[in-house]
């Protein structure tokens, strides 16, 4: 938003909420412009409309509340803790020998909460595996990752870039690189299996059950 658009927006807030009466209008415009300059006027107005329709306390919004509403309207909803664990639990059952492939199927935030494909294999092969303990540990990690992700998405792009650049050499970045290598390795292995299956039946009618297996492999369901 431009400074002029912010001025009109603050006038709209003041016309709706009489308690909004900053001691310095210039300072208010400067602060709101700093907070909302990356957002389109239409998005901010839609967020304010949503705020008015859902706020029952009668107080004017602060910039962070408007940004929260914008992200509520525009960002895809992430899995909750139980939904995320259900995917991990399913992956564990197939991770005795296919942990990398199962890990590659998980959404990025779920992958970060798990850590590495080897963790799935550890859970799968642990004779003393306790699902309640594993679930509790995972859900704590996932909740922290989800909160960090949501906060990061609300930050201005230049701030996100600064954080990402600062973390380039971090241990977390090294884990992320290992995670990506495992995913790429699993994908390469799967493509090799698909190609081998296709070559085996090149020019020969493929049995129906093999066709189903091949289709499932392409769709990532196995």
C-alpha atoms as a PDB file:
ATOM      1  CA  UNK A   1       0.000   0.000   0.000  1.00  0.00           C
ATOM      2  CA  UNK A   2       1.088   3.559  -0.653  1.00  0.00           C
ATOM      3  CA  UNK A   3       1.240   6.215   2.038  1.00  0.00           C
ATOM      4  CA  UNK A   4      -1.874   7.867   0.587  1.00  0.00           C
ATOM      5  CA  UNK A   5      -3.770   4.564   0.683  1.00  0.00           C
ATOM      6  CA  UNK A   6      -2.722   4.091   4.304  1.00  0.00           C
ATOM      7  CA  UNK A   7      -4.057   7.562   5.157  1.00  0.00           C
ATOM      8  CA  UNK A   8      -7.440   6.669   3.644  1.00  0.00           C
ATOM      9  CA  UNK A   9      -7.399   3.325   5.442  1.00  0.00           C
ATOM     10  CA  UNK A  10      -6.704   4.904   8.848  1.00  0.00           C
ATOM     11  CA  UNK A  11      -9.529   7.349   8.220  1.00  0.00           C
ATOM     12  CA  UNK A  12     -11.777   4.346   7.599  1.00  0.00           C
ATOM     13  CA  UNK A  13     -10.665   2.781  10.898  1.00  0.00           C
ATOM     14  CA  UNK A  14     -11.274   6.024  12.771  1.00  0.00           C
ATOM     15  CA  UNK A  15     -14.710   6.376  11.222  1.00  0.00           C
ATOM     16  CA  UNK A  16     -15.589   2.863  12.404  1.00  0.00           C
ATOM     17  CA  UNK A  17     -13.874   2.846  15.806  1.00  0.00           C
ATOM     18  CA  UNK A  18     -14.066   6.213  17.624  1.00  0.00           C
ATOM     19  CA  UNK A  19     -11.513   4.944  20.172  1.00  0.00           C
ATOM     20  CA  UNK A  20      -8.872   4.990  17.421  1.00  0.00           C
ATOM     21  CA  UNK A  21      -7.321   8.392  18.045  1.00  0.00           C
ATOM     22  CA  UNK A  22      -3.502   8.300  17.800  1.00  0.00           C
ATOM     23  CA  UNK A  23      -1.761  11.354  19.351  1.00  0.00           C
ATOM     24  CA  UNK A  24       0.237  11.848  16.140  1.00  0.00           C
ATOM     25  CA  UNK A  25      -1.458  11.077  12.844  1.00  0.00           C
ATOM     26  CA  UNK A  26       1.867  11.397  11.019  1.00  0.00           C
ATOM     27  CA  UNK A  27       3.498   8.830  13.305  1.00  0.00           C
ATOM     28  CA  UNK A  28       0.510   6.508  12.867  1.00  0.00           C
ATOM     29  CA  UNK A  29       0.679   6.746   9.077  1.00  0.00           C
ATOM     30  CA  UNK A  30       4.432   6.099   9.168  1.00  0.00           C
ATOM     31  CA  UNK A  31       4.029   3.037  11.387  1.00  0.00           C
ATOM     32  CA  UNK A  32       1.126   1.517   9.433  1.00  0.00           C
ATOM     33  CA  UNK A  33       2.911   2.161   6.131  1.00  0.00           C
ATOM     34  CA  UNK A  34       5.978   0.363   7.474  1.00  0.00           C
ATOM     35  CA  UNK A  35       3.816  -2.616   8.470  1.00  0.00           C
ATOM     36  CA  UNK A  36       1.556  -2.856   5.405  1.00  0.00           C
ATOM     37  CA  UNK A  37       3.609  -1.505   2.497  1.00  0.00           C
ATOM     38  CA  UNK A  38       4.035  -5.001   1.005  1.00  0.00           C
ATOM     39  CA  UNK A  39       0.299  -5.703   0.867  1.00  0.00           C
ATOM     40  CA  UNK A  40      -2.230  -4.721  -1.776  1.00  0.00           C
ATOM     41  CA  UNK A  41      -4.945  -2.248  -0.782  1.00  0.00           C
ATOM     42  CA  UNK A  42      -7.683  -4.729  -1.741  1.00  0.00           C
ATOM     43  CA  UNK A  43      -6.235  -7.407   0.539  1.00  0.00           C
ATOM     44  CA  UNK A  44      -5.991  -4.985   3.465  1.00  0.00           C
ATOM     45  CA  UNK A  45      -9.576  -3.821   2.965  1.00  0.00           C
ATOM     46  CA  UNK A  46     -10.830  -7.409   2.835  1.00  0.00           C
ATOM     47  CA  UNK A  47      -8.903  -8.172   6.031  1.00  0.00           C
ATOM     48  CA  UNK A  48     -10.429  -5.130   7.734  1.00  0.00           C
ATOM     49  CA  UNK A  49     -13.897  -6.228   6.630  1.00  0.00           C
ATOM     50  CA  UNK A  50     -13.269  -9.657   8.161  1.00  0.00           C
ATOM     51  CA  UNK A  51     -11.979  -8.003  11.328  1.00  0.00           C
ATOM     52  CA  UNK A  52     -15.114  -5.865  11.630  1.00  0.00           C
ATOM     53  CA  UNK A  53     -17.369  -8.870  11.073  1.00  0.00           C
ATOM     54  CA  UNK A  54     -15.661 -11.050  13.675  1.00  0.00           C
ATOM     55  CA  UNK A  55     -14.493  -8.562  16.307  1.00  0.00           C
ATOM     56  CA  UNK A  56     -17.000  -8.155  19.145  1.00  0.00           C
ATOM     57  CA  UNK A  57     -14.810  -6.226  21.602  1.00  0.00           C
ATOM     58  CA  UNK A  58     -15.206  -2.871  19.881  1.00  0.00           C
ATOM     59  CA  UNK A  59     -11.516  -1.970  19.705  1.00  0.00           C
ATOM     60  CA  UNK A  60      -9.691  -0.800  16.596  1.00  0.00           C
ATOM     61  CA  UNK A  61      -7.223  -3.266  15.066  1.00  0.00           C
ATOM     62  CA  UNK A  62      -3.452  -3.071  15.280  1.00  0.00           C
ATOM     63  CA  UNK A  63      -1.328  -3.860  12.184  1.00  0.00           C
ATOM     64  CA  UNK A  64      -0.564  -7.413  13.314  1.00  0.00           C
ATOM     65  CA  UNK A  65      -4.270  -8.236  13.512  1.00  0.00           C
ATOM     66  CA  UNK A  66      -4.826  -7.044   9.948  1.00  0.00           C
ATOM     67  CA  UNK A  67      -1.850  -9.111   8.759  1.00  0.00           C
ATOM     68  CA  UNK A  68      -3.249 -12.152  10.611  1.00  0.00           C
ATOM     69  CA  UNK A  69      -6.544 -11.762   8.762  1.00  0.00           C
ATOM     70  CA  UNK A  70      -4.768 -11.428   5.422  1.00  0.00           C
ATOM     71  CA  UNK A  71      -2.937 -14.692   6.007  1.00  0.00           C
ATOM     72  CA  UNK A  72      -6.106 -16.395   7.204  1.00  0.00           C
ATOM     73  CA  UNK A  73      -7.723 -15.520   3.866  1.00  0.00           C
ATOM     74  CA  UNK A  74      -4.790 -16.158   1.545  1.00  0.00           C
ATOM     75  CA  UNK A  75      -2.638 -18.946   3.000  1.00  0.00           C
ATOM     76  CA  UNK A  76      -3.593 -22.626   2.643  1.00  0.00           C
ATOM     77  CA  UNK A  77      -4.520 -24.225   5.934  1.00  0.00           C
ATOM     78  CA  UNK A  78      -1.832 -26.540   7.265  1.00  0.00           C
ATOM     79  CA  UNK A  79      -2.494 -29.940   8.807  1.00  0.00           C
ATOM     80  CA  UNK A  80      -3.305 -29.978  12.496  1.00  0.00           C
ATOM     81  CA  UNK A  81      -1.246 -32.116  14.874  1.00  0.00           C
ATOM     82  CA  UNK A  82      -3.457 -35.203  14.681  1.00  0.00           C
ATOM     83  CA  UNK A  83      -3.745 -35.052  10.884  1.00  0.00           C
ATOM     84  CA  UNK A  84       0.031 -34.748  10.591  1.00  0.00           C
ATOM     85  CA  UNK A  85       0.616 -37.675  12.945  1.00  0.00           C
ATOM     86  CA  UNK A  86      -1.787 -39.898  11.009  1.00  0.00           C
ATOM     87  CA  UNK A  87       0.479 -39.490   7.959  1.00  0.00           C
ATOM     88  CA  UNK A  88       3.584 -40.239   9.994  1.00  0.00           C
ATOM     89  CA  UNK A  89       1.973 -43.282  11.612  1.00  0.00           C
ATOM     90  CA  UNK A  90       1.103 -44.669   8.185  1.00  0.00           C
ATOM     91  CA  UNK A  91       4.637 -43.980   6.956  1.00  0.00           C
ATOM     92  CA  UNK A  92       6.170 -45.793   9.941  1.00  0.00           C
ATOM     93  CA  UNK A  93       4.321 -49.003   9.070  1.00  0.00           C
ATOM     94  CA  UNK A  94       6.095 -49.097   5.677  1.00  0.00           C
ATOM     95  CA  UNK A  95       9.489 -47.789   6.776  1.00  0.00           C
ATOM     96  CA  UNK A  96      11.328 -50.960   7.732  1.00  0.00           C
ATOM     97  CA  UNK A  97      12.955 -51.004   4.288  1.00  0.00           C
ATOM     98  CA  UNK A  98      11.369 -48.006   2.530  1.00  0.00           C
ATOM     99  CA  UNK A  99      11.923 -45.144   4.958  1.00  0.00           C
ATOM    100  CA  UNK A 100      13.321 -42.755   2.320  1.00  0.00           C
ATOM    101  CA  UNK A 101      10.381 -43.354  -0.014  1.00  0.00           C
ATOM    102  CA  UNK A 102       7.841 -42.953   2.800  1.00  0.00           C
ATOM    103  CA  UNK A 103       9.589 -39.821   4.040  1.00  0.00           C
ATOM    104  CA  UNK A 104       9.448 -38.300   0.552  1.00  0.00           C
ATOM    105  CA  UNK A 105       5.640 -38.611   0.548  1.00  0.00           C
ATOM    106  CA  UNK A 106       5.243 -36.481   3.694  1.00  0.00           C
ATOM    107  CA  UNK A 107       4.450 -32.737   3.456  1.00  0.00           C
ATOM    108  CA  UNK A 108       7.476 -30.442   4.062  1.00  0.00           C
ATOM    109  CA  UNK A 109       6.442 -29.309   7.553  1.00  0.00           C
ATOM    110  CA  UNK A 110       5.819 -32.900   8.613  1.00  0.00           C
ATOM    111  CA  UNK A 111       9.248 -33.854   7.259  1.00  0.00           C
ATOM    112  CA  UNK A 112      10.871 -31.110   9.319  1.00  0.00           C
ATOM    113  CA  UNK A 113       9.119 -32.299  12.474  1.00  0.00           C
ATOM    114  CA  UNK A 114      10.222 -35.910  11.851  1.00  0.00           C
ATOM    115  CA  UNK A 115      13.789 -34.827  11.085  1.00  0.00           C
ATOM    116  CA  UNK A 116      15.273 -37.430   8.737  1.00  0.00           C
ATOM    117  CA  UNK A 117      14.080 -40.624   6.996  1.00  0.00           C
ATOM    118  CA  UNK A 118      16.209 -42.624   9.424  1.00  0.00           C
ATOM    119  CA  UNK A 119      13.846 -41.604  12.227  1.00  0.00           C
ATOM    120  CA  UNK A 120      10.975 -43.388  10.483  1.00  0.00           C
ATOM    121  CA  UNK A 121      13.136 -46.501  10.168  1.00  0.00           C
ATOM    122  CA  UNK A 122      14.139 -46.286  13.831  1.00  0.00           C
ATOM    123  CA  UNK A 123      10.504 -46.172  14.887  1.00  0.00           C
ATOM    124  CA  UNK A 124       9.567 -48.981  12.508  1.00  0.00           C
ATOM    125  CA  UNK A 125      12.283 -51.372  13.764  1.00  0.00           C
ATOM    126  CA  UNK A 126      12.194 -50.495  17.466  1.00  0.00           C
ATOM    127  CA  UNK A 127      11.019 -53.556  19.418  1.00  0.00           C
ATOM    128  CA  UNK A 128       9.991 -51.277  22.287  1.00  0.00           C
ATOM    129  CA  UNK A 129       8.182 -48.780  20.061  1.00  0.00           C
ATOM    130  CA  UNK A 130       5.474 -46.916  21.970  1.00  0.00           C
ATOM    131  CA  UNK A 131       3.111 -45.053  19.664  1.00  0.00           C
ATOM    132  CA  UNK A 132       1.863 -42.693  22.376  1.00  0.00           C
ATOM    133  CA  UNK A 133       5.412 -41.612  23.252  1.00  0.00           C
ATOM    134  CA  UNK A 134       6.382 -41.213  19.579  1.00  0.00           C
ATOM    135  CA  UNK A 135       3.184 -39.310  18.807  1.00  0.00           C
ATOM    136  CA  UNK A 136       3.674 -36.949  21.743  1.00  0.00           C
ATOM    137  CA  UNK A 137       7.275 -36.241  20.745  1.00  0.00           C
ATOM    138  CA  UNK A 138       6.346 -35.666  17.106  1.00  0.00           C
ATOM    139  CA  UNK A 139       3.387 -33.424  17.890  1.00  0.00           C
ATOM    140  CA  UNK A 140       5.518 -31.155  20.083  1.00  0.00           C
ATOM    141  CA  UNK A 141       8.047 -30.829  17.269  1.00  0.00           C
ATOM    142  CA  UNK A 142       5.330 -30.294  14.659  1.00  0.00           C
ATOM    143  CA  UNK A 143       3.590 -27.648  16.753  1.00  0.00           C
ATOM    144  CA  UNK A 144       6.875 -25.729  17.073  1.00  0.00           C
ATOM    145  CA  UNK A 145       7.582 -26.043  13.327  1.00  0.00           C
ATOM    146  CA  UNK A 146       4.054 -24.908  12.464  1.00  0.00           C
ATOM    147  CA  UNK A 147       4.281 -21.860  14.727  1.00  0.00           C
ATOM    148  CA  UNK A 148       7.688 -20.922  13.295  1.00  0.00           C
ATOM    149  CA  UNK A 149       6.385 -21.357   9.732  1.00  0.00           C
ATOM    150  CA  UNK A 150       3.316 -19.192  10.380  1.00  0.00           C
ATOM    151  CA  UNK A 151       5.367 -16.438  11.988  1.00  0.00           C
ATOM    152  CA  UNK A 152       7.883 -16.524   9.149  1.00  0.00           C
ATOM    153  CA  UNK A 153       5.144 -16.208   6.523  1.00  0.00           C
ATOM    154  CA  UNK A 154       3.877 -13.016   8.173  1.00  0.00           C
ATOM    155  CA  UNK A 155       7.263 -11.331   7.983  1.00  0.00           C
ATOM    156  CA  UNK A 156       8.183  -8.963   5.131  1.00  0.00           C
ATOM    157  CA  UNK A 157      10.008 -10.636   2.275  1.00  0.00           C
ATOM    158  CA  UNK A 158      13.263  -8.771   2.926  1.00  0.00           C
ATOM    159  CA  UNK A 159      13.232  -9.916   6.566  1.00  0.00           C
ATOM    160  CA  UNK A 160      12.612 -13.532   5.504  1.00  0.00           C
ATOM    161  CA  UNK A 161      15.561 -13.261   3.124  1.00  0.00           C
ATOM    162  CA  UNK A 162      17.796 -11.974   5.919  1.00  0.00           C
ATOM    163  CA  UNK A 163      16.802 -14.881   8.160  1.00  0.00           C
ATOM    164  CA  UNK A 164      17.331 -17.434   5.394  1.00  0.00           C
ATOM    165  CA  UNK A 165      20.753 -15.979   4.549  1.00  0.00           C
ATOM    166  CA  UNK A 166      21.766 -16.000   8.214  1.00  0.00           C
ATOM    167  CA  UNK A 167      20.814 -19.677   8.481  1.00  0.00           C
ATOM    168  CA  UNK A 168      22.675 -20.870   5.373  1.00  0.00           C
ATOM    169  CA  UNK A 169      25.498 -22.490   7.337  1.00  0.00           C
ATOM    170  CA  UNK A 170      23.469 -23.585  10.346  1.00  0.00           C
ATOM    171  CA  UNK A 171      23.074 -27.141  11.597  1.00  0.00           C
ATOM    172  CA  UNK A 172      19.401 -26.894  10.664  1.00  0.00           C
ATOM    173  CA  UNK A 173      20.389 -26.117   7.074  1.00  0.00           C
ATOM    174  CA  UNK A 174      22.684 -29.156   7.037  1.00  0.00           C
ATOM    175  CA  UNK A 175      19.814 -31.366   8.187  1.00  0.00           C
ATOM    176  CA  UNK A 176      17.592 -29.841   5.495  1.00  0.00           C
ATOM    177  CA  UNK A 177      20.244 -30.667   2.876  1.00  0.00           C
ATOM    178  CA  UNK A 178      20.399 -34.277   4.068  1.00  0.00           C
ATOM    179  CA  UNK A 179      16.618 -34.417   4.013  1.00  0.00           C
ATOM    180  CA  UNK A 180      16.545 -33.169   0.411  1.00  0.00           C
ATOM    181  CA  UNK A 181      19.229 -35.656  -0.620  1.00  0.00           C
ATOM    182  CA  UNK A 182      17.165 -38.503   0.833  1.00  0.00           C
ATOM    183  CA  UNK A 183      14.061 -37.326  -1.022  1.00  0.00           C
ATOM    184  CA  UNK A 184      15.930 -36.994  -4.329  1.00  0.00           C
ATOM    185  CA  UNK A 185      17.509 -40.415  -3.849  1.00  0.00           C
ATOM    186  CA  UNK A 186      14.088 -41.960  -3.184  1.00  0.00           C
ATOM    187  CA  UNK A 187      12.638 -40.291  -6.282  1.00  0.00           C
ATOM    188  CA  UNK A 188      15.523 -41.478  -8.457  1.00  0.00           C
ATOM    189  CA  UNK A 189      15.131 -45.012  -7.152  1.00  0.00           C
ATOM    190  CA  UNK A 190      11.399 -44.959  -7.850  1.00  0.00           C
ATOM    191  CA  UNK A 191      11.930 -43.691 -11.397  1.00  0.00           C
ATOM    192  CA  UNK A 192      14.448 -46.480 -11.927  1.00  0.00           C
ATOM    193  CA  UNK A 193      11.938 -49.071 -10.740  1.00  0.00           C
ATOM    194  CA  UNK A 194       9.250 -47.668 -13.037  1.00  0.00           C
ATOM    195  CA  UNK A 195      11.620 -47.683 -16.017  1.00  0.00           C
ATOM    196  CA  UNK A 196      12.728 -51.258 -15.258  1.00  0.00           C
ATOM    197  CA  UNK A 197       9.118 -52.408 -15.071  1.00  0.00           C
ATOM    198  CA  UNK A 198       8.269 -50.697 -18.360  1.00  0.00           C
ATOM    199  CA  UNK A 199      11.309 -52.192 -20.107  1.00  0.00           C
ATOM    200  CA  UNK A 200      10.459 -55.654 -18.818  1.00  0.00           C
ATOM    201  CA  UNK A 201       7.156 -55.583 -20.665  1.00  0.00           C
ATOM    202  CA  UNK A 202       8.201 -53.484 -23.671  1.00  0.00           C
ATOM    203  CA  UNK A 203       6.367 -54.926 -26.676  1.00  0.00           C
ATOM    204  CA  UNK A 204       4.650 -57.487 -24.438  1.00  0.00           C
ATOM    205  CA  UNK A 205       1.157 -57.129 -22.935  1.00  0.00           C
ATOM    206  CA  UNK A 206       1.565 -56.191 -19.283  1.00  0.00           C
ATOM    207  CA  UNK A 207      -0.553 -58.105 -16.720  1.00  0.00           C
ATOM    208  CA  UNK A 208      -3.342 -56.000 -15.217  1.00  0.00           C
ATOM    209  CA  UNK A 209      -1.951 -56.243 -11.684  1.00  0.00           C
ATOM    210  CA  UNK A 210       1.419 -54.904 -12.914  1.00  0.00           C
ATOM    211  CA  UNK A 211      -0.360 -52.030 -14.641  1.00  0.00           C
ATOM    212  CA  UNK A 212      -2.024 -51.141 -11.352  1.00  0.00           C
ATOM    213  CA  UNK A 213       1.308 -51.288  -9.521  1.00  0.00           C
ATOM    214  CA  UNK A 214       2.925 -49.081 -12.168  1.00  0.00           C
ATOM    215  CA  UNK A 215       0.114 -46.522 -11.941  1.00  0.00           C
ATOM    216  CA  UNK A 216       0.344 -46.473  -8.138  1.00  0.00           C
ATOM    217  CA  UNK A 217       4.082 -45.896  -8.347  1.00  0.00           C
ATOM    218  CA  UNK A 218       3.592 -42.977 -10.722  1.00  0.00           C
ATOM    219  CA  UNK A 219       0.959 -41.462  -8.422  1.00  0.00           C
ATOM    220  CA  UNK A 220       3.147 -41.884  -5.369  1.00  0.00           C
ATOM    221  CA  UNK A 221       0.676 -44.126  -3.518  1.00  0.00           C
ATOM    222  CA  UNK A 222       3.280 -46.865  -3.088  1.00  0.00           C
END
